[in-house]
């Protein structure tokens, strides 16, 4: 712990005097640099968290939190599986599905597609596609009618809309006297959805689960059961539990496995951005070095007097550590307050800037997310402020050590 003498002298040196305004100016620039770096770090990480949260929400509006299927990719009795899952309170919704691939064809073109057979009355329990319909509705899928719902981009590519006929070609083949022919079926477009993710809007097609089972020759089987949890972040834990407690013959997966590369890439980008922006703080913090070096040169006579009065090298070192730490702490606090304020209000500030200067940063015609979402995490704020403080503290060590090495006789020789 620093004694009052070191604290008093260290704080006194942080105030400008008539002959060292330039030193105080550099200290002010260092302080503002640290504040700017901390503000930028908090704001950028909050915006990246916001984008990740928005993308995750859009992905999970289509993809289930977890999936239970058989080892061969099918389930013969999905109702029994659903009964086995009723005892898990984390599961708030379940719905069967049939998954397959095919090719949709119209006069306007041909496009590959992911087929998902669903029960319309149960689909809302595991996904939000019903709320994303821009034409038609989920209830238009009736068994035996062979209706189909397309993603918006897929519909535009095929030049098809509600009421139009399209042809679905599936990989399974029919053996006929004329040879092996691909299986084809005519469908009627009964709806169009837009979830805001190009991956799904351009490739996903929905149909009734009974029609899909007939099309892929599954009889009474389905591909699996999709699950929705009350907390999607508990999906990996629930998956491990189900794998150990369900009878043999079942396979369980969750959304973190299905999109592990995507979220790993987002996490890598956040880490790289943190390191890059931390360099701003580091540059500003190491300006403290030049500030304290000049201060030591300016205060050599004072240091010599203190040494002759009995101050130890540790006391002299403490004085300048306190001075540099004050610069770092004030800059970090200013940056923390500025970053938190900006992160909490970025969704209001950015639209105001766009209106003021008549610009659009994220055009809705180009980007599916046309605003800047922000999701500030307090642990990020504390981590950034803590790292900034320790960098500032580290920057004071060398100048303070040089000050403690000052020899009184040499410093007072020409005084």
Protein backbone atom coordinates (compact mmCIF):
# COMPACT_ATOMS: atom_id res chain seq x y z
CA UNK A 1 0.00 0.00 0.00
CA UNK A 2 1.29 3.49 -0.88
CA UNK A 3 1.96 5.83 2.01
CA UNK A 4 0.27 9.28 2.03
CA UNK A 5 3.49 11.03 0.95
CA UNK A 6 3.71 9.09 -2.31
CA UNK A 7 0.00 9.53 -2.96
CA UNK A 8 0.12 13.28 -2.25
CA UNK A 9 3.16 13.94 -4.43
CA UNK A 10 1.94 11.65 -7.23
CA UNK A 11 -1.44 13.37 -7.43
CA UNK A 12 0.21 16.80 -7.23
CA UNK A 13 2.44 15.98 -10.22
CA UNK A 14 -0.63 15.22 -12.34
CA UNK A 15 -1.70 18.87 -12.13
CA UNK A 16 -0.12 21.27 -14.64
CA UNK A 17 2.34 23.93 -13.58
CA UNK A 18 3.46 26.97 -15.51
CA UNK A 19 6.61 25.36 -16.89
CA UNK A 20 5.27 21.90 -17.83
CA UNK A 21 2.08 22.55 -19.80
CA UNK A 22 3.44 20.48 -22.69
CA UNK A 23 3.88 17.44 -20.45
CA UNK A 24 0.33 17.84 -19.17
CA UNK A 25 -0.90 18.15 -22.77
CA UNK A 26 0.70 14.80 -23.66
CA UNK A 27 -0.83 13.27 -20.53
CA UNK A 28 -4.24 14.60 -21.63
CA UNK A 29 -3.78 13.10 -25.12
CA UNK A 30 -2.86 9.76 -23.53
CA UNK A 31 -5.94 9.92 -21.34
CA UNK A 32 -8.23 10.72 -24.28
CA UNK A 33 -6.59 8.01 -26.41
CA UNK A 34 -7.30 5.39 -23.76
CA UNK A 35 -10.88 6.66 -23.44
CA UNK A 36 -11.38 6.51 -27.22
CA UNK A 37 -9.96 2.99 -27.44
CA UNK A 38 -12.11 1.68 -24.59
CA UNK A 39 -15.21 3.35 -26.06
CA UNK A 40 -14.54 1.83 -29.48
CA UNK A 41 -13.92 -1.62 -28.01
CA UNK A 42 -17.13 -1.68 -25.96
CA UNK A 43 -19.22 -0.33 -28.83
CA UNK A 44 -17.82 -2.61 -31.54
CA UNK A 45 -18.08 -5.75 -29.42
CA UNK A 46 -21.65 -4.82 -28.44
CA UNK A 47 -22.62 -4.38 -32.10
CA UNK A 48 -20.96 -7.70 -33.01
CA UNK A 49 -22.85 -9.36 -30.15
CA UNK A 50 -26.02 -7.79 -31.53
CA UNK A 51 -25.38 -9.14 -35.04
CA UNK A 52 -24.62 -12.60 -33.62
CA UNK A 53 -27.82 -12.55 -31.57
CA UNK A 54 -29.89 -11.40 -34.56
CA UNK A 55 -28.41 -14.02 -36.88
CA UNK A 56 -28.86 -16.72 -34.26
CA UNK A 57 -32.50 -15.74 -33.81
CA UNK A 58 -33.09 -15.84 -37.58
CA UNK A 59 -31.38 -19.19 -37.96
CA UNK A 60 -33.31 -20.68 -35.05
CA UNK A 61 -36.58 -19.37 -36.47
CA UNK A 62 -36.11 -22.11 -39.09
CA UNK A 63 -33.77 -24.63 -37.45
CA UNK A 64 -34.87 -26.45 -34.32
CA UNK A 65 -32.93 -26.25 -31.07
CA UNK A 66 -32.47 -30.03 -31.05
CA UNK A 67 -33.40 -33.03 -33.19
CA UNK A 68 -34.11 -36.66 -32.33
CA UNK A 69 -33.95 -39.26 -35.09
CA UNK A 70 -33.06 -42.90 -35.58
CA UNK A 71 -29.65 -44.27 -36.36
CA UNK A 72 -30.81 -44.90 -39.94
CA UNK A 73 -32.17 -41.35 -40.30
CA UNK A 74 -35.83 -42.28 -39.77
CA UNK A 75 -38.30 -42.86 -36.91
CA UNK A 76 -41.04 -45.49 -37.10
CA UNK A 77 -43.12 -44.24 -34.16
CA UNK A 78 -42.59 -40.53 -33.52
CA UNK A 79 -45.56 -40.35 -31.12
CA UNK A 80 -43.75 -42.76 -28.79
CA UNK A 81 -40.63 -40.62 -28.97
CA UNK A 82 -42.67 -37.56 -28.11
CA UNK A 83 -44.06 -39.35 -25.05
CA UNK A 84 -40.52 -40.23 -23.94
CA UNK A 85 -39.57 -36.55 -24.21
CA UNK A 86 -42.52 -35.26 -22.16
CA UNK A 87 -40.64 -35.80 -18.89
CA UNK A 88 -37.96 -33.22 -19.76
CA UNK A 89 -39.08 -29.78 -18.53
CA UNK A 90 -36.53 -27.98 -20.76
CA UNK A 91 -38.47 -29.08 -23.86
CA UNK A 92 -41.37 -26.71 -24.59
CA UNK A 93 -42.27 -27.88 -28.09
CA UNK A 94 -41.90 -30.90 -30.37
CA UNK A 95 -42.94 -31.62 -33.96
CA UNK A 96 -42.22 -34.42 -36.45
CA UNK A 97 -40.63 -33.73 -39.81
CA UNK A 98 -39.53 -35.36 -43.04
CA UNK A 99 -36.35 -34.10 -44.67
CA UNK A 100 -35.18 -34.63 -48.22
CA UNK A 101 -33.65 -33.03 -51.26
CA UNK A 102 -34.96 -32.45 -54.73
CA UNK A 103 -35.08 -30.18 -57.73
CA UNK A 104 -37.89 -27.73 -58.49
CA UNK A 105 -38.64 -26.94 -62.10
CA UNK A 106 -40.78 -24.32 -63.83
CA UNK A 107 -40.77 -22.72 -67.25
CA UNK A 108 -38.57 -19.97 -65.79
CA UNK A 109 -35.82 -22.24 -64.51
CA UNK A 110 -34.63 -25.11 -62.33
CA UNK A 111 -33.31 -24.91 -58.78
CA UNK A 112 -32.14 -27.39 -56.15
CA UNK A 113 -34.10 -27.36 -52.93
CA UNK A 114 -34.24 -28.73 -49.39
CA UNK A 115 -37.61 -30.36 -48.76
CA UNK A 116 -39.13 -30.36 -45.29
CA UNK A 117 -42.37 -32.13 -44.57
CA UNK A 118 -44.20 -30.67 -41.58
CA UNK A 119 -47.43 -30.87 -39.62
CA UNK A 120 -48.79 -27.31 -40.06
CA UNK A 121 -50.67 -27.35 -36.74
CA UNK A 122 -47.53 -28.41 -34.87
CA UNK A 123 -44.86 -26.37 -36.70
CA UNK A 124 -45.43 -23.20 -34.66
CA UNK A 125 -44.23 -25.12 -31.58
CA UNK A 126 -40.68 -25.41 -32.97
CA UNK A 127 -40.22 -22.60 -35.53
CA UNK A 128 -41.39 -19.10 -36.44
CA UNK A 129 -41.90 -19.65 -40.17
CA UNK A 130 -45.65 -19.23 -39.74
CA UNK A 131 -45.01 -15.67 -38.59
CA UNK A 132 -42.75 -14.99 -41.60
CA UNK A 133 -45.32 -15.71 -44.31
CA UNK A 134 -45.60 -12.94 -46.93
CA UNK A 135 -48.14 -14.80 -49.10
CA UNK A 136 -50.58 -17.51 -48.09
CA UNK A 137 -50.48 -19.24 -44.73
CA UNK A 138 -49.18 -22.41 -43.13
CA UNK A 139 -52.68 -23.85 -42.84
CA UNK A 140 -52.93 -24.05 -46.64
CA UNK A 141 -50.81 -27.22 -46.51
CA UNK A 142 -53.39 -30.01 -46.58
CA UNK A 143 -52.63 -33.74 -46.80
CA UNK A 144 -53.16 -35.13 -50.28
CA UNK A 145 -53.40 -31.70 -51.96
CA UNK A 146 -49.65 -31.60 -52.65
CA UNK A 147 -49.29 -27.96 -51.84
CA UNK A 148 -45.88 -26.41 -51.28
CA UNK A 149 -44.56 -23.28 -49.54
CA UNK A 150 -41.42 -21.68 -50.95
CA UNK A 151 -38.81 -19.29 -49.60
CA UNK A 152 -39.06 -15.86 -51.21
CA UNK A 153 -35.74 -16.02 -53.07
CA UNK A 154 -36.52 -19.53 -54.29
CA UNK A 155 -39.91 -18.38 -55.53
CA UNK A 156 -38.37 -15.44 -57.38
CA UNK A 157 -35.73 -17.68 -58.95
CA UNK A 158 -38.41 -20.08 -60.21
CA UNK A 159 -40.75 -17.29 -61.23
CA UNK A 160 -43.54 -18.92 -59.19
CA UNK A 161 -46.02 -17.45 -56.73
CA UNK A 162 -49.16 -18.63 -54.95
CA UNK A 163 -51.45 -20.57 -57.25
CA UNK A 164 -48.71 -21.50 -59.73
CA UNK A 165 -47.80 -25.09 -60.58
CA UNK A 166 -44.25 -26.37 -60.18
CA UNK A 167 -42.62 -29.77 -60.70
CA UNK A 168 -40.58 -31.48 -58.01
CA UNK A 169 -38.00 -34.07 -59.05
CA UNK A 170 -36.59 -36.29 -56.30
CA UNK A 171 -33.46 -38.51 -56.38
CA UNK A 172 -35.41 -41.76 -55.98
CA UNK A 173 -36.15 -43.40 -59.31
CA UNK A 174 -39.06 -45.40 -60.72
CA UNK A 175 -38.34 -48.68 -62.49
CA UNK A 176 -40.68 -48.99 -65.51
CA UNK A 177 -40.78 -51.12 -68.65
CA UNK A 178 -39.28 -48.13 -70.41
CA UNK A 179 -36.34 -48.10 -68.01
CA UNK A 180 -35.37 -46.21 -64.88
CA UNK A 181 -37.06 -42.81 -64.76
CA UNK A 182 -36.73 -40.02 -62.18
CA UNK A 183 -39.68 -39.53 -59.87
CA UNK A 184 -41.59 -36.30 -60.50
CA UNK A 185 -44.65 -34.75 -58.91
CA UNK A 186 -46.63 -31.60 -59.65
CA UNK A 187 -47.18 -29.24 -56.71
CA UNK A 188 -49.22 -26.09 -56.25
CA UNK A 189 -47.57 -23.12 -54.54
CA UNK A 190 -49.81 -22.23 -51.58
CA UNK A 191 -47.51 -19.80 -49.74
CA UNK A 192 -44.24 -17.87 -49.66
CA UNK A 193 -42.14 -17.07 -46.57
CA UNK A 194 -39.17 -14.78 -45.85
CA UNK A 195 -37.10 -15.38 -42.72
CA UNK A 196 -34.28 -12.98 -43.65
CA UNK A 197 -31.58 -15.64 -44.12
CA UNK A 198 -30.60 -16.17 -47.75
CA UNK A 199 -29.56 -19.77 -47.04
CA UNK A 200 -33.17 -20.68 -46.24
CA UNK A 201 -35.08 -18.16 -48.35
CA UNK A 202 -33.30 -19.44 -51.48
CA UNK A 203 -33.41 -23.20 -50.87
CA UNK A 204 -36.09 -24.32 -48.40
CA UNK A 205 -39.51 -25.64 -49.44
CA UNK A 206 -42.22 -26.88 -47.07
CA UNK A 207 -44.98 -29.42 -47.69
CA UNK A 208 -47.35 -31.49 -45.60
CA UNK A 209 -45.60 -34.34 -43.80
CA UNK A 210 -47.91 -36.98 -45.32
CA UNK A 211 -47.17 -35.76 -48.85
CA UNK A 212 -43.44 -35.75 -48.10
CA UNK A 213 -43.60 -39.29 -46.65
CA UNK A 214 -45.32 -40.54 -49.82
CA UNK A 215 -42.88 -38.69 -52.03
CA UNK A 216 -39.81 -40.18 -50.32
CA UNK A 217 -41.47 -43.58 -49.76
CA UNK A 218 -41.26 -43.50 -45.98
CA UNK A 219 -44.72 -45.03 -45.45
CA UNK A 220 -45.61 -44.33 -41.77
CA UNK A 221 -42.09 -43.26 -40.82
CA UNK A 222 -40.70 -39.74 -40.45
CA UNK A 223 -37.17 -38.38 -40.49
CA UNK A 224 -37.28 -37.34 -36.85
CA UNK A 225 -38.69 -35.04 -34.19
CA UNK A 226 -37.64 -31.42 -33.89
CA UNK A 227 -37.47 -29.87 -30.40
CA UNK A 228 -37.71 -26.36 -29.00
CA UNK A 229 -36.22 -25.57 -25.58
CA UNK A 230 -37.02 -22.86 -23.06
CA UNK A 231 -33.31 -21.96 -23.10
CA UNK A 232 -31.55 -22.65 -26.39
CA UNK A 233 -28.12 -22.45 -24.71
CA UNK A 234 -28.97 -25.59 -22.74
CA UNK A 235 -29.28 -27.58 -25.97
CA UNK A 236 -25.79 -29.20 -25.77
CA UNK A 237 -26.42 -30.29 -22.18
CA UNK A 238 -29.87 -31.69 -23.04
CA UNK A 239 -28.38 -33.52 -26.04
CA UNK A 240 -25.88 -35.30 -23.82
CA UNK A 241 -28.66 -36.18 -21.36
CA UNK A 242 -30.92 -37.60 -24.08
CA UNK A 243 -28.09 -39.66 -25.56
CA UNK A 244 -27.57 -41.40 -22.20
CA UNK A 245 -31.24 -41.75 -21.14
CA UNK A 246 -33.10 -42.57 -24.36
CA UNK A 247 -33.28 -46.23 -25.43
CA UNK A 248 -30.65 -47.48 -27.91
CA UNK A 249 -31.24 -46.72 -31.56
CA UNK A 250 -31.73 -42.95 -31.31
CA UNK A 251 -29.46 -40.17 -32.52
CA UNK A 252 -29.66 -36.66 -31.04
CA UNK A 253 -28.21 -33.45 -32.43
CA UNK A 254 -28.55 -29.74 -31.57
CA UNK A 255 -28.23 -26.39 -33.27
CA UNK A 256 -24.69 -25.75 -32.04
CA UNK A 257 -23.47 -28.81 -33.96
CA UNK A 258 -25.40 -28.01 -37.11
CA UNK A 259 -23.97 -24.49 -37.32
CA UNK A 260 -20.73 -24.91 -35.38
CA UNK A 261 -18.55 -23.49 -38.18
CA UNK A 262 -20.68 -20.36 -38.52
CA UNK A 263 -20.68 -19.47 -34.84
CA UNK A 264 -17.02 -20.40 -34.51
CA UNK A 265 -16.25 -17.94 -37.33
CA UNK A 266 -18.24 -15.21 -35.55
CA UNK A 267 -16.35 -15.88 -32.32
CA UNK A 268 -13.03 -15.73 -34.18
CA UNK A 269 -14.00 -12.39 -35.73
CA UNK A 270 -14.87 -11.01 -32.29
CA UNK A 271 -11.52 -12.15 -30.89
CA UNK A 272 -9.56 -10.64 -33.78
CA UNK A 273 -11.51 -7.38 -33.53
CA UNK A 274 -10.84 -7.25 -29.79
CA UNK A 275 -7.09 -7.62 -30.38
CA UNK A 276 -7.01 -5.03 -33.17
CA UNK A 277 -8.94 -2.40 -31.22
CA UNK A 278 -6.93 -3.17 -28.10
CA UNK A 279 -3.90 -1.83 -29.99
CA UNK A 280 -5.53 1.61 -29.83
CA UNK A 281 -5.57 1.35 -26.05
CA UNK A 282 -1.99 0.03 -26.04
CA UNK A 283 -0.68 2.92 -28.16
CA UNK A 284 -2.44 5.46 -25.97
CA UNK A 285 -1.28 3.72 -22.80
CA UNK A 286 2.34 3.69 -23.89
CA UNK A 287 2.13 7.43 -24.44
CA UNK A 288 2.16 7.39 -20.66
CA UNK A 289 5.77 6.21 -20.95
CA UNK A 290 6.84 9.36 -22.81
CA UNK A 291 4.80 11.51 -20.42
CA UNK A 292 6.47 10.05 -17.35
CA UNK A 293 9.96 10.08 -18.91
CA UNK A 294 9.64 13.81 -19.55
CA UNK A 295 8.17 14.30 -16.10
CA UNK A 296 11.12 12.47 -14.53
CA UNK A 297 13.57 14.69 -16.42
CA UNK A 298 11.63 17.77 -15.35
CA UNK A 299 11.47 16.69 -11.69
CA UNK A 300 15.04 15.44 -11.22
CA UNK A 301 15.80 18.18 -8.72
CA UNK A 302 12.64 17.41 -6.76
CA UNK A 303 13.51 13.72 -6.76
CA UNK A 304 17.02 14.51 -5.46
CA UNK A 305 15.62 16.64 -2.66
CA UNK A 306 13.19 13.89 -1.66
CA UNK A 307 16.03 11.35 -1.66
CA UNK A 308 18.18 13.56 0.58
CA UNK A 309 15.24 13.92 2.96
CA UNK A 310 15.09 10.14 3.31
CA UNK A 311 12.73 8.98 0.54
CA UNK A 312 13.59 5.45 -0.60
CA UNK A 313 13.84 4.38 -4.27
CA UNK A 314 10.58 2.47 -3.78
CA UNK A 315 8.88 5.68 -2.63
CA UNK A 316 10.10 7.57 -5.71
CA UNK A 317 8.96 4.71 -7.93
CA UNK A 318 5.56 4.72 -6.23
CA UNK A 319 5.09 8.45 -6.90
CA UNK A 320 5.38 8.04 -10.66
CA UNK A 321 3.39 4.81 -10.74
CA UNK A 322 0.57 6.69 -9.04
CA UNK A 323 0.82 9.53 -11.57
CA UNK A 324 0.66 7.15 -14.57
CA UNK A 325 -2.06 5.06 -12.98
CA UNK A 326 -4.24 8.15 -12.47
CA UNK A 327 -3.99 8.89 -16.21
CA UNK A 328 -4.92 5.30 -17.05
CA UNK A 329 -7.79 5.08 -14.56
CA UNK A 330 -9.37 8.38 -15.62
CA UNK A 331 -9.06 7.43 -19.32
CA UNK A 332 -10.51 3.98 -18.67
CA UNK A 333 -13.44 5.36 -16.66
CA UNK A 334 -14.22 7.97 -19.31
CA UNK A 335 -14.01 5.32 -22.03
CA UNK A 336 -16.14 2.89 -20.04
CA UNK A 337 -18.89 5.46 -19.51
CA UNK A 338 -18.73 6.57 -23.14
CA UNK A 339 -18.75 2.98 -24.45
CA UNK A 340 -21.67 1.91 -22.28
CA UNK A 341 -23.67 5.01 -23.23
CA UNK A 342 -22.96 4.51 -26.93
CA UNK A 343 -23.62 0.76 -26.88
CA UNK A 344 -26.98 1.21 -25.14
CA UNK A 345 -28.09 3.90 -27.59
CA UNK A 346 -26.46 2.89 -30.88
CA UNK A 347 -29.81 1.72 -32.27
CA UNK A 348 -31.11 5.28 -31.74
CA UNK A 349 -27.97 7.23 -32.63
CA UNK A 350 -27.28 5.54 -35.99
CA UNK A 351 -30.77 6.20 -37.46
CA UNK A 352 -30.50 9.81 -36.27
CA UNK A 353 -27.16 10.20 -38.10
CA UNK A 354 -28.66 8.59 -41.22
CA UNK A 355 -31.55 11.07 -41.16
CA UNK A 356 -29.28 14.04 -40.47
CA UNK A 357 -26.86 13.33 -43.33
CA UNK A 358 -29.36 11.56 -45.64
CA UNK A 359 -27.25 8.40 -45.83
CA UNK A 360 -28.00 4.71 -45.32
CA UNK A 361 -25.20 2.63 -43.81
CA UNK A 362 -26.86 -0.77 -44.31
CA UNK A 363 -29.22 -0.67 -47.27
CA UNK A 364 -32.21 -2.98 -46.96
CA UNK A 365 -31.83 -3.81 -50.67
CA UNK A 366 -28.36 -5.26 -50.02
CA UNK A 367 -28.31 -6.45 -46.40
CA UNK A 368 -30.88 -8.63 -44.66
CA UNK A 369 -30.06 -6.86 -41.40
CA UNK A 370 -30.48 -3.20 -42.27
CA UNK A 371 -29.95 -1.72 -38.80
CA UNK A 372 -27.15 -1.90 -36.25
CA UNK A 373 -28.30 -4.16 -33.40
CA UNK A 374 -26.48 -3.85 -30.09
CA UNK A 375 -26.24 -6.39 -27.30
CA UNK A 376 -23.94 -5.12 -24.55
CA UNK A 377 -22.53 -7.67 -22.12
CA UNK A 378 -21.28 -6.35 -18.79
CA UNK A 379 -18.59 -9.01 -18.64
CA UNK A 380 -17.16 -7.55 -21.89
CA UNK A 381 -17.18 -4.08 -20.31
CA UNK A 382 -15.37 -5.26 -17.19
CA UNK A 383 -12.87 -7.27 -19.23
CA UNK A 384 -12.05 -4.32 -21.50
CA UNK A 385 -11.71 -1.88 -18.62
CA UNK A 386 -9.56 -4.36 -16.67
CA UNK A 387 -7.20 -4.96 -19.60
CA UNK A 388 -6.95 -1.21 -20.23
CA UNK A 389 -6.08 -0.57 -16.59
CA UNK A 390 -3.35 -3.23 -16.51
CA UNK A 391 -1.83 -1.96 -19.76
CA UNK A 392 -1.72 1.54 -18.29
CA UNK A 393 -0.19 0.21 -15.07
CA UNK A 394 2.43 -1.77 -16.99
CA UNK A 395 3.38 1.35 -18.99
CA UNK A 396 4.34 3.19 -15.79
CA UNK A 397 6.87 0.64 -14.55
CA UNK A 398 9.93 1.55 -16.62
CA UNK A 399 9.76 5.38 -16.20
CA UNK A 400 9.06 4.95 -12.48
CA UNK A 401 12.04 2.59 -12.16
CA UNK A 402 14.27 5.11 -13.97
CA UNK A 403 13.11 7.80 -11.55
CA UNK A 404 14.00 5.60 -8.58
CA UNK A 405 17.56 5.27 -9.98
CA UNK A 406 18.17 9.05 -9.92
CA UNK A 407 21.31 9.93 -7.95
CA UNK A 408 20.87 13.05 -5.75
CA UNK A 409 24.43 14.27 -6.26
CA UNK A 410 24.21 14.08 -10.05
CA UNK A 411 20.78 15.71 -10.16
CA UNK A 412 21.77 18.64 -7.91
CA UNK A 413 25.20 19.26 -9.46
CA UNK A 414 24.04 22.15 -11.66
CA UNK A 415 21.17 23.42 -9.51
